[in-house]
């Protein structure tokens, strides 16, 4: 428990992305774009617990994210 007696909040997430592109640099840029979009979704509390399909900016599926929110005593 935290010093004030409250339980500690935990977030675990697993991300699996797959890109096929002309060069490694292009794939890296696409991955970075998708990861920034996921970060934005976290910041506005848009990702509920569970599995979610991940798409690129044109809506093409590129992978999945699993989000697990939990609470417990501090490790």
Protein backbone atom coordinates (compact mmCIF):
# COMPACT_ATOMS: atom_id res chain seq x y z
CA UNK A 1 0.00 0.00 0.00
CA UNK A 2 1.07 3.54 -0.51
CA UNK A 3 2.09 5.66 2.44
CA UNK A 4 -1.46 7.00 2.72
CA UNK A 5 -2.99 3.48 2.92
CA UNK A 6 -4.27 3.46 -0.66
CA UNK A 7 -3.59 0.61 -3.06
CA UNK A 8 -1.00 1.15 -5.77
CA UNK A 9 -2.34 1.37 -9.32
CA UNK A 10 -0.69 -0.76 -12.02
CA UNK A 11 -0.85 -0.68 -15.79
CA UNK A 12 0.50 -3.51 -17.91
CA UNK A 13 0.31 -3.45 -21.67
CA UNK A 14 1.60 -5.63 -24.46
CA UNK A 15 1.86 -4.23 -27.97
CA UNK A 16 2.35 -6.29 -31.10
CA UNK A 17 2.83 -4.40 -34.36
CA UNK A 18 3.83 -5.65 -37.79
CA UNK A 19 4.76 -3.48 -40.76
CA UNK A 20 5.77 -4.35 -44.29
CA UNK A 21 7.36 -1.51 -46.19
CA UNK A 22 10.02 -0.61 -48.72
CA UNK A 23 12.78 0.12 -46.17
CA UNK A 24 13.55 -0.25 -42.49
CA UNK A 25 13.44 3.54 -42.14
CA UNK A 26 9.90 3.67 -43.52
CA UNK A 27 8.77 0.86 -41.21
CA UNK A 28 10.35 2.67 -38.26
CA UNK A 29 8.51 5.89 -39.14
CA UNK A 30 5.19 4.05 -39.47
CA UNK A 31 5.75 2.32 -36.12
CA UNK A 32 6.59 5.62 -34.45
CA UNK A 33 3.41 7.20 -35.85
CA UNK A 34 1.27 4.35 -34.51
CA UNK A 35 2.96 4.42 -31.09
CA UNK A 36 2.41 8.19 -30.81
CA UNK A 37 -1.27 7.66 -31.63
CA UNK A 38 -1.48 4.98 -28.91
CA UNK A 39 0.12 7.37 -26.42
CA UNK A 40 -2.52 9.97 -27.28
CA UNK A 41 -5.25 7.40 -26.68
CA UNK A 42 -3.80 6.57 -23.25
CA UNK A 43 -3.66 10.23 -22.28
CA UNK A 44 -7.36 10.73 -22.96
CA UNK A 45 -8.35 7.45 -21.23
CA UNK A 46 -9.63 5.95 -24.48
CA UNK A 47 -8.17 2.46 -23.95
CA UNK A 48 -10.21 0.21 -21.70
CA UNK A 49 -8.90 -3.02 -20.28
CA UNK A 50 -8.57 -5.86 -22.76
CA UNK A 51 -7.45 -6.47 -26.33
CA UNK A 52 -7.69 -3.74 -28.97
CA UNK A 53 -6.90 -3.78 -32.65
CA UNK A 54 -4.31 -1.16 -33.65
CA UNK A 55 -4.59 0.59 -37.00
CA UNK A 56 -2.39 3.03 -38.86
CA UNK A 57 -3.54 6.54 -39.76
CA UNK A 58 -5.44 5.30 -42.84
CA UNK A 59 -7.24 2.59 -40.87
CA UNK A 60 -5.19 -0.42 -41.97
CA UNK A 61 -4.83 -3.01 -39.16
CA UNK A 62 -1.18 -3.24 -38.05
CA UNK A 63 -1.41 -5.15 -34.78
CA UNK A 64 -2.92 -5.40 -31.33
CA UNK A 65 -2.53 -3.96 -27.85
CA UNK A 66 -3.53 -5.66 -24.60
CA UNK A 67 -4.18 -3.37 -21.64
CA UNK A 68 -4.49 -4.56 -18.03
CA UNK A 69 -5.30 -2.15 -15.21
CA UNK A 70 -5.01 -3.49 -11.68
CA UNK A 71 -4.30 -2.39 -8.15
CA UNK A 72 -2.55 -3.93 -5.23
CA UNK A 73 0.14 -3.43 -2.69
CA UNK A 74 3.33 -1.76 -3.80
CA UNK A 75 6.01 -4.16 -4.99
